[in-house]
C-alpha atoms as a PDB file:
ATOM      1  CA  MET A   1     108.936 156.996 140.415  1.00  0.00           C
ATOM      2  CA  ILE A   2     108.892 153.634 142.176  1.00  0.00           C
ATOM      3  CA  ILE A   3     107.518 150.552 140.432  1.00  0.00           C
ATOM      4  CA  ASP A   4     107.306 147.260 142.291  1.00  0.00           C
ATOM      5  CA  SER A   5     108.396 144.488 139.925  1.00  0.00           C
ATOM      6  CA  HIS A   6     107.557 141.641 142.325  1.00  0.00           C
ATOM      7  CA  SER A   7     104.234 141.610 144.166  1.00  0.00           C
ATOM      8  CA  HIS A   8     101.307 139.241 144.362  1.00  0.00           C
ATOM      9  CA  TRP A   9      97.548 139.158 144.674  1.00  0.00           C
ATOM     10  CA  LEU A  10      95.453 135.988 144.598  1.00  0.00           C
ATOM     11  CA  PRO A  11      91.707 135.569 144.077  1.00  0.00           C
ATOM     12  CA  GLN A  12      89.848 133.872 146.907  1.00  0.00           C
ATOM     13  CA  LYS A  13      89.264 130.694 144.906  1.00  0.00           C
ATOM     14  CA  ILE A  14      93.008 130.204 144.492  1.00  0.00           C
ATOM     15  CA  ILE A  15      93.599 130.875 148.188  1.00  0.00           C
ATOM     16  CA  ASP A  16      90.858 128.468 149.251  1.00  0.00           C
ATOM     17  CA  ASN A  17      92.253 125.666 147.098  1.00  0.00           C
ATOM     18  CA  SER A  18      95.945 126.043 147.886  1.00  0.00           C
ATOM     19  CA  SER A  19      97.953 124.584 150.742  1.00  0.00           C
ATOM     20  CA  PHE A  20      99.829 127.661 151.884  1.00  0.00           C
ATOM     21  CA  PHE A  21      98.276 131.040 151.096  1.00  0.00           C
ATOM     22  CA  SER A  22      96.214 133.056 153.580  1.00  0.00           C
ATOM     23  CA  LYS A  23      93.604 135.778 153.070  1.00  0.00           C
ATOM     24  CA  THR A  24      96.388 138.389 153.260  1.00  0.00           C
ATOM     25  CA  TRP A  25      97.294 137.408 149.699  1.00  0.00           C
ATOM     26  CA  GLY A  26      93.872 138.553 148.507  1.00  0.00           C
ATOM     27  CA  ASP A  27      93.709 141.937 150.276  1.00  0.00           C
ATOM     28  CA  ILE A  28      94.040 144.460 147.446  1.00  0.00           C
ATOM     29  CA  GLU A  29      93.019 147.389 149.672  1.00  0.00           C
ATOM     30  CA  ARG A  30      95.885 146.649 152.062  1.00  0.00           C
ATOM     31  CA  HIS A  31      98.178 146.460 149.065  1.00  0.00           C
ATOM     32  CA  LEU A  32      97.079 149.925 147.935  1.00  0.00           C
ATOM     33  CA  GLU A  33      97.617 151.296 151.444  1.00  0.00           C
ATOM     34  CA  LEU A  34     101.146 149.921 151.458  1.00  0.00           C
ATOM     35  CA  MET A  35     101.860 151.472 148.060  1.00  0.00           C
ATOM     36  CA  GLU A  36     100.613 154.838 149.282  1.00  0.00           C
ATOM     37  CA  LYS A  37     102.699 154.606 152.460  1.00  0.00           C
ATOM     38  CA  TYR A  38     105.967 153.893 150.655  1.00  0.00           C
ATOM     39  CA  GLY A  39     105.409 156.009 147.563  1.00  0.00           C
ATOM     40  CA  ILE A  40     105.052 153.080 145.176  1.00  0.00           C
ATOM     41  CA  ASP A  41     103.423 154.321 141.983  1.00  0.00           C
ATOM     42  CA  LYS A  42     102.726 150.987 140.272  1.00  0.00           C
ATOM     43  CA  ALA A  43     103.090 147.288 141.011  1.00  0.00           C
ATOM     44  CA  VAL A  44     103.335 144.197 138.842  1.00  0.00           C
ATOM     45  CA  LEU A  45     100.998 141.411 139.948  1.00  0.00           C
ATOM     46  CA  SER A  46     102.629 138.071 139.158  1.00  0.00           C
ATOM     47  CA  TYR A  47     101.777 134.520 140.173  1.00  0.00           C
ATOM     48  CA  PRO A  48     103.686 133.112 143.173  1.00  0.00           C
ATOM     49  CA  THR A  49     102.943 129.569 141.918  1.00  0.00           C
ATOM     50  CA  THR A  50     100.474 127.506 143.945  1.00  0.00           C
ATOM     51  CA  ASP A  51      99.103 123.989 144.064  1.00  0.00           C
ATOM     52  CA  ALA A  52      95.514 125.212 143.674  1.00  0.00           C
ATOM     53  CA  HIS A  53      95.137 123.461 140.312  1.00  0.00           C
ATOM     54  CA  LEU A  54      95.193 120.096 142.090  1.00  0.00           C
ATOM     55  CA  LYS A  55      91.869 120.862 143.793  1.00  0.00           C
ATOM     56  CA  ILE A  56      90.377 123.123 141.136  1.00  0.00           C
ATOM     57  CA  GLY A  57      90.712 120.329 138.616  1.00  0.00           C
ATOM     58  CA  SER A  58      93.170 121.452 135.949  1.00  0.00           C
ATOM     59  CA  ILE A  59      95.843 123.950 134.997  1.00  0.00           C
ATOM     60  CA  SER A  60      93.555 125.417 132.324  1.00  0.00           C
ATOM     61  CA  LEU A  61      90.710 126.106 134.756  1.00  0.00           C
ATOM     62  CA  THR A  62      93.121 127.676 137.234  1.00  0.00           C
ATOM     63  CA  THR A  63      94.670 129.818 134.514  1.00  0.00           C
ATOM     64  CA  ASP A  64      91.304 131.049 133.280  1.00  0.00           C
ATOM     65  CA  HIS A  65      90.136 131.923 136.788  1.00  0.00           C
ATOM     66  CA  TYR A  66      93.370 133.657 137.816  1.00  0.00           C
ATOM     67  CA  ASN A  67      93.751 135.719 134.646  1.00  0.00           C
ATOM     68  CA  SER A  68      90.101 136.753 134.664  1.00  0.00           C
ATOM     69  CA  ALA A  69      90.352 137.824 138.313  1.00  0.00           C
ATOM     70  CA  ILE A  70      93.561 139.794 137.755  1.00  0.00           C
ATOM     71  CA  ALA A  71      91.940 141.447 134.718  1.00  0.00           C
ATOM     72  CA  LYS A  72      89.255 142.871 137.010  1.00  0.00           C
ATOM     73  CA  ILE A  73      91.914 144.303 139.320  1.00  0.00           C
ATOM     74  CA  ILE A  74      93.853 146.034 136.537  1.00  0.00           C
ATOM     75  CA  LYS A  75      90.622 147.343 135.035  1.00  0.00           C
ATOM     76  CA  ARG A  76      89.559 148.726 138.412  1.00  0.00           C
ATOM     77  CA  TYR A  77      92.997 150.232 139.157  1.00  0.00           C
ATOM     78  CA  PRO A  78      94.602 150.843 135.739  1.00  0.00           C
ATOM     79  CA  GLU A  79      97.069 153.391 137.099  1.00  0.00           C
ATOM     80  CA  LYS A  80      98.234 151.186 139.943  1.00  0.00           C
ATOM     81  CA  PHE A  81      98.601 147.593 138.797  1.00  0.00           C
ATOM     82  CA  ILE A  82     100.257 145.834 135.863  1.00  0.00           C
ATOM     83  CA  GLY A  83      99.028 142.347 135.104  1.00  0.00           C
ATOM     84  CA  ALA A  84     101.323 139.416 134.303  1.00  0.00           C
ATOM     85  CA  ALA A  85      99.328 136.541 132.813  1.00  0.00           C
ATOM     86  CA  ILE A  86      99.853 132.877 133.592  1.00  0.00           C
ATOM     87  CA  LEU A  87      99.512 130.253 130.865  1.00  0.00           C
ATOM     88  CA  PRO A  88      98.034 126.726 130.574  1.00  0.00           C
ATOM     89  CA  TYR A  89     101.349 124.946 130.141  1.00  0.00           C
ATOM     90  CA  ASP A  90      99.602 121.589 130.047  1.00  0.00           C
ATOM     91  CA  ASP A  91      97.916 122.387 126.717  1.00  0.00           C
ATOM     92  CA  LYS A  92     100.212 123.574 123.915  1.00  0.00           C
ATOM     93  CA  ASN A  93      97.224 124.338 121.706  1.00  0.00           C
ATOM     94  CA  GLU A  94      95.734 126.705 124.261  1.00  0.00           C
ATOM     95  CA  LEU A  95      99.012 128.284 125.352  1.00  0.00           C
ATOM     96  CA  ILE A  96      99.068 131.014 122.708  1.00  0.00           C
ATOM     97  CA  ASN A  97      95.294 131.372 122.658  1.00  0.00           C
ATOM     98  CA  GLU A  98      95.326 132.302 126.343  1.00  0.00           C
ATOM     99  CA  LEU A  99      98.321 134.580 125.826  1.00  0.00           C
ATOM    100  CA  ARG A 100      96.454 136.424 123.074  1.00  0.00           C
ATOM    101  CA  ARG A 101      93.308 136.659 125.213  1.00  0.00           C
ATOM    102  CA  ALA A 102      95.269 138.053 128.138  1.00  0.00           C
ATOM    103  CA  THR A 103      97.272 140.643 126.213  1.00  0.00           C
ATOM    104  CA  GLU A 104      94.829 141.601 123.463  1.00  0.00           C
ATOM    105  CA  GLU A 105      91.536 141.441 125.360  1.00  0.00           C
ATOM    106  CA  LEU A 106      92.197 141.589 129.109  1.00  0.00           C
ATOM    107  CA  GLY A 107      94.877 144.277 129.237  1.00  0.00           C
ATOM    108  CA  PHE A 108      97.874 142.295 130.508  1.00  0.00           C
ATOM    109  CA  LYS A 109     101.288 143.820 129.832  1.00  0.00           C
ATOM    110  CA  ALA A 110     103.498 140.910 130.885  1.00  0.00           C
ATOM    111  CA  ILE A 111     103.755 137.138 131.258  1.00  0.00           C
ATOM    112  CA  SER A 112     104.240 135.258 134.535  1.00  0.00           C
ATOM    113  CA  LEU A 113     105.992 131.878 134.352  1.00  0.00           C
ATOM    114  CA  ALA A 114     107.346 129.532 136.986  1.00  0.00           C
ATOM    115  CA  SER A 115     110.954 128.394 136.824  1.00  0.00           C
ATOM    116  CA  SER A 116     109.732 124.826 136.246  1.00  0.00           C
ATOM    117  CA  TYR A 117     106.592 122.735 136.020  1.00  0.00           C
ATOM    118  CA  ASN A 118     106.817 119.207 137.428  1.00  0.00           C
ATOM    119  CA  GLY A 119     110.465 119.046 136.406  1.00  0.00           C
ATOM    120  CA  MET A 120     109.885 120.645 132.983  1.00  0.00           C
ATOM    121  CA  TYR A 121     111.998 123.781 132.678  1.00  0.00           C
ATOM    122  CA  LEU A 122     111.545 126.811 130.468  1.00  0.00           C
ATOM    123  CA  ASP A 123     113.887 125.510 127.778  1.00  0.00           C
ATOM    124  CA  ASP A 124     111.161 123.026 126.794  1.00  0.00           C
ATOM    125  CA  LYS A 125     109.982 123.434 123.205  1.00  0.00           C
ATOM    126  CA  ILE A 126     106.405 124.063 124.329  1.00  0.00           C
ATOM    127  CA  PHE A 127     107.454 127.547 125.437  1.00  0.00           C
ATOM    128  CA  LEU A 128     109.181 128.590 122.199  1.00  0.00           C
ATOM    129  CA  PRO A 129     105.987 130.059 120.666  1.00  0.00           C
ATOM    130  CA  VAL A 130     105.541 132.066 123.874  1.00  0.00           C
ATOM    131  CA  TYR A 131     109.003 133.559 123.488  1.00  0.00           C
ATOM    132  CA  GLU A 132     108.364 134.322 119.838  1.00  0.00           C
ATOM    133  CA  TYR A 133     105.118 136.086 120.767  1.00  0.00           C
ATOM    134  CA  ALA A 134     106.881 137.995 123.559  1.00  0.00           C
ATOM    135  CA  ARG A 135     109.640 139.079 121.171  1.00  0.00           C
ATOM    136  CA  LYS A 136     107.212 140.184 118.475  1.00  0.00           C
ATOM    137  CA  ASN A 137     105.008 142.109 120.902  1.00  0.00           C
ATOM    138  CA  ASN A 138     107.708 143.368 123.280  1.00  0.00           C
ATOM    139  CA  ILE A 139     106.198 141.673 126.336  1.00  0.00           C
ATOM    140  CA  PRO A 140     108.450 141.044 129.363  1.00  0.00           C
ATOM    141  CA  ILE A 141     108.427 137.633 131.041  1.00  0.00           C
ATOM    142  CA  PHE A 142     108.567 137.490 134.837  1.00  0.00           C
ATOM    143  CA  VAL A 143     109.936 134.184 136.128  1.00  0.00           C
ATOM    144  CA  HIS A 144     109.111 133.212 139.717  1.00  0.00           C
ATOM    145  CA  SER A 145     110.723 130.246 141.403  1.00  0.00           C
ATOM    146  CA  GLN A 146     108.592 127.117 141.484  1.00  0.00           C
ATOM    147  CA  ILE A 147     107.378 126.361 144.999  1.00  0.00           C
ATOM    148  CA  VAL A 148     105.592 123.094 144.139  1.00  0.00           C
ATOM    149  CA  ASN A 149     108.133 120.266 143.876  1.00  0.00           C
ATOM    150  CA  PRO A 150     111.189 122.429 143.158  1.00  0.00           C
ATOM    151  CA  ILE A 151     114.531 120.790 142.438  1.00  0.00           C
ATOM    152  CA  GLY A 152     115.665 118.616 145.345  1.00  0.00           C
ATOM    153  CA  PHE A 153     112.179 118.238 146.816  1.00  0.00           C
ATOM    154  CA  GLU A 154     112.109 114.525 146.089  1.00  0.00           C
ATOM    155  CA  ARG A 155     115.078 114.109 148.452  1.00  0.00           C
ATOM    156  CA  VAL A 156     114.558 116.823 151.047  1.00  0.00           C
ATOM    157  CA  LYS A 157     111.163 118.050 152.232  1.00  0.00           C
ATOM    158  CA  ASP A 158     111.765 120.608 154.930  1.00  0.00           C
ATOM    159  CA  PRO A 159     109.707 123.730 155.799  1.00  0.00           C
ATOM    160  CA  LEU A 160     112.837 125.893 155.985  1.00  0.00           C
ATOM    161  CA  LEU A 161     115.282 124.241 153.592  1.00  0.00           C
ATOM    162  CA  THR A 162     112.782 124.001 150.751  1.00  0.00           C
ATOM    163  CA  PRO A 163     112.080 127.767 150.469  1.00  0.00           C
ATOM    164  CA  VAL A 164     115.585 128.872 151.404  1.00  0.00           C
ATOM    165  CA  ILE A 165     117.538 126.491 149.171  1.00  0.00           C
ATOM    166  CA  GLU A 166     115.318 124.583 146.752  1.00  0.00           C
ATOM    167  CA  TYR A 167     113.312 127.584 145.482  1.00  0.00           C
ATOM    168  CA  ILE A 168     116.564 129.437 144.821  1.00  0.00           C
ATOM    169  CA  PHE A 169     118.239 126.561 143.030  1.00  0.00           C
ATOM    170  CA  ASP A 170     115.164 125.824 140.927  1.00  0.00           C
ATOM    171  CA  ILE A 171     115.367 129.298 139.403  1.00  0.00           C
ATOM    172  CA  THR A 172     119.160 128.929 139.071  1.00  0.00           C
ATOM    173  CA  ILE A 173     118.757 125.677 137.126  1.00  0.00           C
ATOM    174  CA  CYS A 174     116.076 127.344 135.002  1.00  0.00           C
ATOM    175  CA  ILE A 175     118.529 130.050 133.945  1.00  0.00           C
ATOM    176  CA  GLY A 176     121.236 127.460 133.344  1.00  0.00           C
ATOM    177  CA  LYS A 177     118.990 125.409 131.080  1.00  0.00           C
ATOM    178  CA  LEU A 178     117.912 128.486 129.131  1.00  0.00           C
ATOM    179  CA  LEU A 179     121.618 129.264 128.695  1.00  0.00           C
ATOM    180  CA  MET A 180     122.675 125.786 127.595  1.00  0.00           C
ATOM    181  CA  SER A 181     119.688 125.269 125.295  1.00  0.00           C
ATOM    182  CA  GLY A 182     120.476 128.466 123.398  1.00  0.00           C
ATOM    183  CA  VAL A 183     117.159 130.111 124.255  1.00  0.00           C
ATOM    184  CA  LEU A 184     118.833 133.132 125.851  1.00  0.00           C
ATOM    185  CA  ARG A 185     120.841 133.744 122.670  1.00  0.00           C
ATOM    186  CA  GLU A 186     118.113 132.867 120.171  1.00  0.00           C
ATOM    187  CA  PHE A 187     115.617 135.092 121.960  1.00  0.00           C
ATOM    188  CA  GLY A 188     118.073 137.746 123.033  1.00  0.00           C
ATOM    189  CA  GLU A 189     115.497 140.496 122.548  1.00  0.00           C
ATOM    190  CA  VAL A 190     113.078 138.930 125.027  1.00  0.00           C
ATOM    191  CA  LYS A 191     113.147 140.554 128.458  1.00  0.00           C
ATOM    192  CA  PHE A 192     113.419 137.662 130.923  1.00  0.00           C
ATOM    193  CA  ILE A 193     113.074 138.966 134.494  1.00  0.00           C
ATOM    194  CA  PHE A 194     114.086 136.437 137.154  1.00  0.00           C
ATOM    195  CA  ALA A 195     112.970 136.746 140.753  1.00  0.00           C
ATOM    196  CA  TYR A 196     115.325 136.587 143.757  1.00  0.00           C
ATOM    197  CA  PHE A 197     118.299 137.895 141.746  1.00  0.00           C
ATOM    198  CA  GLY A 198     118.050 134.858 139.469  1.00  0.00           C
ATOM    199  CA  GLY A 199     118.824 132.523 142.347  1.00  0.00           C
ATOM    200  CA  THR A 200     122.594 132.080 142.573  1.00  0.00           C
ATOM    201  CA  ALA A 201     123.300 132.840 138.900  1.00  0.00           C
ATOM    202  CA  CYS A 202     124.959 136.193 139.611  1.00  0.00           C
ATOM    203  CA  HIS A 203     127.298 134.575 142.143  1.00  0.00           C
ATOM    204  CA  LEU A 204     128.285 131.806 139.716  1.00  0.00           C
ATOM    205  CA  SER A 205     129.316 133.908 136.710  1.00  0.00           C
ATOM    206  CA  ASP A 206     133.079 133.481 137.217  1.00  0.00           C
ATOM    207  CA  ARG A 207     132.713 129.741 137.842  1.00  0.00           C
ATOM    208  CA  PHE A 208     130.521 129.466 134.736  1.00  0.00           C
ATOM    209  CA  ASN A 209     133.244 131.072 132.628  1.00  0.00           C
ATOM    210  CA  ALA A 210     136.204 129.168 134.084  1.00  0.00           C
ATOM    211  CA  THR A 211     134.488 125.780 133.872  1.00  0.00           C
ATOM    212  CA  TYR A 212     133.114 126.465 130.402  1.00  0.00           C
ATOM    213  CA  GLN A 213     136.555 127.430 129.086  1.00  0.00           C
ATOM    214  CA  MET A 214     138.137 124.345 130.641  1.00  0.00           C
ATOM    215  CA  LEU A 215     135.509 122.016 129.168  1.00  0.00           C
ATOM    216  CA  ARG A 216     135.650 123.713 125.768  1.00  0.00           C
ATOM    217  CA  GLY A 217     139.383 123.087 125.779  1.00  0.00           C
ATOM    218  CA  ILE A 218     138.738 119.337 125.737  1.00  0.00           C
ATOM    219  CA  ASN A 219     135.639 119.633 123.538  1.00  0.00           C
ATOM    220  CA  PHE A 220     133.464 118.316 126.371  1.00  0.00           C
ATOM    221  CA  VAL A 221     130.751 120.991 126.182  1.00  0.00           C
ATOM    222  CA  LYS A 222     129.088 122.568 123.170  1.00  0.00           C
ATOM    223  CA  ASP A 223     130.163 125.945 121.857  1.00  0.00           C
ATOM    224  CA  LEU A 224     127.869 128.630 123.248  1.00  0.00           C
ATOM    225  CA  GLY A 225     129.344 131.261 120.970  1.00  0.00           C
ATOM    226  CA  ALA A 226     130.442 133.381 123.933  1.00  0.00           C
ATOM    227  CA  ASN A 227     131.384 133.070 127.570  1.00  0.00           C
ATOM    228  CA  PRO A 228     128.352 132.258 129.747  1.00  0.00           C
ATOM    229  CA  SER A 229     128.606 135.595 131.553  1.00  0.00           C
ATOM    230  CA  ASP A 230     128.397 137.463 128.241  1.00  0.00           C
ATOM    231  CA  ILE A 231     125.047 135.793 127.597  1.00  0.00           C
ATOM    232  CA  LEU A 232     123.769 135.968 131.156  1.00  0.00           C
ATOM    233  CA  LYS A 233     124.424 139.691 131.425  1.00  0.00           C
ATOM    234  CA  ASN A 234     121.398 140.257 129.201  1.00  0.00           C
ATOM    235  CA  ILE A 235     118.894 138.834 131.696  1.00  0.00           C
ATOM    236  CA  TYR A 236     117.045 140.999 134.199  1.00  0.00           C
ATOM    237  CA  VAL A 237     116.739 140.235 137.905  1.00  0.00           C
ATOM    238  CA  ASP A 238     114.502 141.584 140.645  1.00  0.00           C
ATOM    239  CA  THR A 239     115.484 142.216 144.236  1.00  0.00           C
ATOM    240  CA  SER A 240     112.512 140.410 145.853  1.00  0.00           C
ATOM    241  CA  GLY A 241     112.522 142.476 149.035  1.00  0.00           C
ATOM    242  CA  ASP A 242     116.212 141.897 149.826  1.00  0.00           C
ATOM    243  CA  SER A 243     117.621 144.565 152.123  1.00  0.00           C
ATOM    244  CA  LYS A 244     121.271 143.450 152.111  1.00  0.00           C
ATOM    245  CA  HIS A 245     123.967 144.350 149.590  1.00  0.00           C
ATOM    246  CA  THR A 246     125.456 140.882 148.978  1.00  0.00           C
ATOM    247  CA  ASN A 247     123.109 139.966 146.133  1.00  0.00           C
ATOM    248  CA  LEU A 248     122.917 143.533 144.847  1.00  0.00           C
ATOM    249  CA  LEU A 249     126.690 143.738 144.425  1.00  0.00           C
ATOM    250  CA  ALA A 250     126.818 140.400 142.613  1.00  0.00           C
ATOM    251  CA  ALA A 251     123.996 141.519 140.316  1.00  0.00           C
ATOM    252  CA  LEU A 252     125.688 144.837 139.629  1.00  0.00           C
ATOM    253  CA  LYS A 253     128.806 142.935 138.566  1.00  0.00           C
ATOM    254  CA  LEU A 254     127.016 140.536 136.209  1.00  0.00           C
ATOM    255  CA  VAL A 255     124.038 142.397 134.727  1.00  0.00           C
ATOM    256  CA  GLY A 256     124.698 146.020 135.728  1.00  0.00           C
ATOM    257  CA  PRO A 257     122.309 148.583 137.227  1.00  0.00           C
ATOM    258  CA  GLY A 258     120.218 148.803 134.053  1.00  0.00           C
ATOM    259  CA  HIS A 259     119.089 145.192 134.419  1.00  0.00           C
ATOM    260  CA  ILE A 260     118.149 145.220 138.113  1.00  0.00           C
ATOM    261  CA  LEU A 261     114.544 145.880 139.148  1.00  0.00           C
ATOM    262  CA  TRP A 262     113.399 146.657 142.659  1.00  0.00           C
ATOM    263  CA  GLY A 263     110.694 144.326 143.957  1.00  0.00           C
ATOM    264  CA  SER A 264     109.034 144.024 147.359  1.00  0.00           C
ATOM    265  CA  ASP A 265     107.795 140.407 147.279  1.00  0.00           C
ATOM    266  CA  TRP A 266     104.609 141.632 148.961  1.00  0.00           C
ATOM    267  CA  PRO A 267     102.826 140.086 150.833  1.00  0.00           C
ATOM    268  CA  ALA A 268     105.425 137.394 151.556  1.00  0.00           C
ATOM    269  CA  LYS A 269     107.637 140.219 152.859  1.00  0.00           C
ATOM    270  CA  LYS A 270     105.846 143.026 154.658  1.00  0.00           C
ATOM    271  CA  ASP A 271     108.694 145.314 155.769  1.00  0.00           C
ATOM    272  CA  ILE A 272     109.187 147.311 152.591  1.00  0.00           C
ATOM    273  CA  ALA A 273     111.308 150.282 153.667  1.00  0.00           C
ATOM    274  CA  PRO A 274     114.650 148.440 154.168  1.00  0.00           C
ATOM    275  CA  SER A 275     114.644 147.069 150.618  1.00  0.00           C
ATOM    276  CA  ILE A 276     114.133 150.558 149.170  1.00  0.00           C
ATOM    277  CA  LYS A 277     116.819 151.957 151.467  1.00  0.00           C
ATOM    278  CA  ALA A 278     119.233 149.262 150.272  1.00  0.00           C
ATOM    279  CA  ILE A 279     118.976 150.660 146.744  1.00  0.00           C
ATOM    280  CA  ASN A 280     119.397 154.260 147.859  1.00  0.00           C
ATOM    281  CA  ASP A 281     122.483 153.306 149.897  1.00  0.00           C
ATOM    282  CA  LEU A 282     124.309 151.758 146.936  1.00  0.00           C
ATOM    283  CA  ASN A 283     127.466 153.454 145.701  1.00  0.00           C
ATOM    284  CA  ILE A 284     126.043 154.143 142.240  1.00  0.00           C
ATOM    285  CA  THR A 285     124.702 157.262 140.546  1.00  0.00           C
ATOM    286  CA  GLN A 286     121.327 158.770 141.424  1.00  0.00           C
ATOM    287  CA  GLU A 287     120.173 158.027 137.892  1.00  0.00           C
ATOM    288  CA  GLU A 288     121.069 154.354 138.324  1.00  0.00           C
ATOM    289  CA  LYS A 289     119.216 154.204 141.644  1.00  0.00           C
ATOM    290  CA  GLU A 290     116.126 155.702 140.020  1.00  0.00           C
ATOM    291  CA  GLY A 291     116.452 153.129 137.264  1.00  0.00           C
ATOM    292  CA  ILE A 292     116.470 150.210 139.693  1.00  0.00           C
ATOM    293  CA  LEU A 293     113.560 151.649 141.679  1.00  0.00           C
ATOM    294  CA  GLY A 294     111.311 152.023 138.664  1.00  0.00           C
ATOM    295  CA  LYS A 295     112.612 153.533 135.468  1.00  0.00           C
ATOM    296  CA  ASN A 296     114.260 150.322 134.248  1.00  0.00           C
ATOM    297  CA  LEU A 297     110.945 148.496 134.423  1.00  0.00           C
ATOM    298  CA  LEU A 298     109.087 151.428 132.930  1.00  0.00           C
ATOM    299  CA  SER A 299     111.335 151.235 129.878  1.00  0.00           C
ATOM    300  CA  LEU A 300     110.585 147.510 129.500  1.00  0.00           C
ATOM    301  CA  LEU A 301     106.849 148.156 129.528  1.00  0.00           C
END
């Protein structure tokens, strides 16, 4: 079984009101053809983050439209797509109401959050009720890097550097803030799934530990109760269409094969076969490969 943990579909209204996305992002039939071609049994539909709310008028209106549109897709293809609901982060009173509507009425099985919102990261107190709800109802949270004003954007606005560097470091900072705030320990049962291997988090585990121990020795950083890597190993990461082994090996070292999920990043990345081959070429057991390709995610759902 192959389950795609990282794919996208956008309703036409979102596409029409965003700065970047083309009609390809709204072609569900092409998506199904791709799944058939590569033997993908199911796919999670998560939000790639857009700036559509600026033209639509509000976060709440965008959320309502997106979730309602995704609900129609998962109702039409219940065996193929898994919905991850977005939330109106600008209205704390409506945050849980929309989460309940999505999961209890519309059939969503997961939550889709961005790594940050206008500089507000996921350690903000507004999200704590979301994590409590996710823990109570065993709902995984997919975290996609923020593409609208990610970290560093106020200094460097570049069509290549922003997606290559700033997207990746925005999700890295997100994980770091969840670590330092205690959210990852307090909500240890919550399945946080970070796109793009969690940015650079897997590559920084040794530096996290060495620097933390040094700073603890002079009482310059608070006591986390464990080495950072011991806490970070509980997160999940997706492969986001990567076909090289550099990130996979770093992820295997930090989180292990049971916490890695294969993802295509369709339709941003259209050449799917190499990313599947990269998993099958790993020097791990067949059972572990099958876990990464789908069974790990199946167990979370």
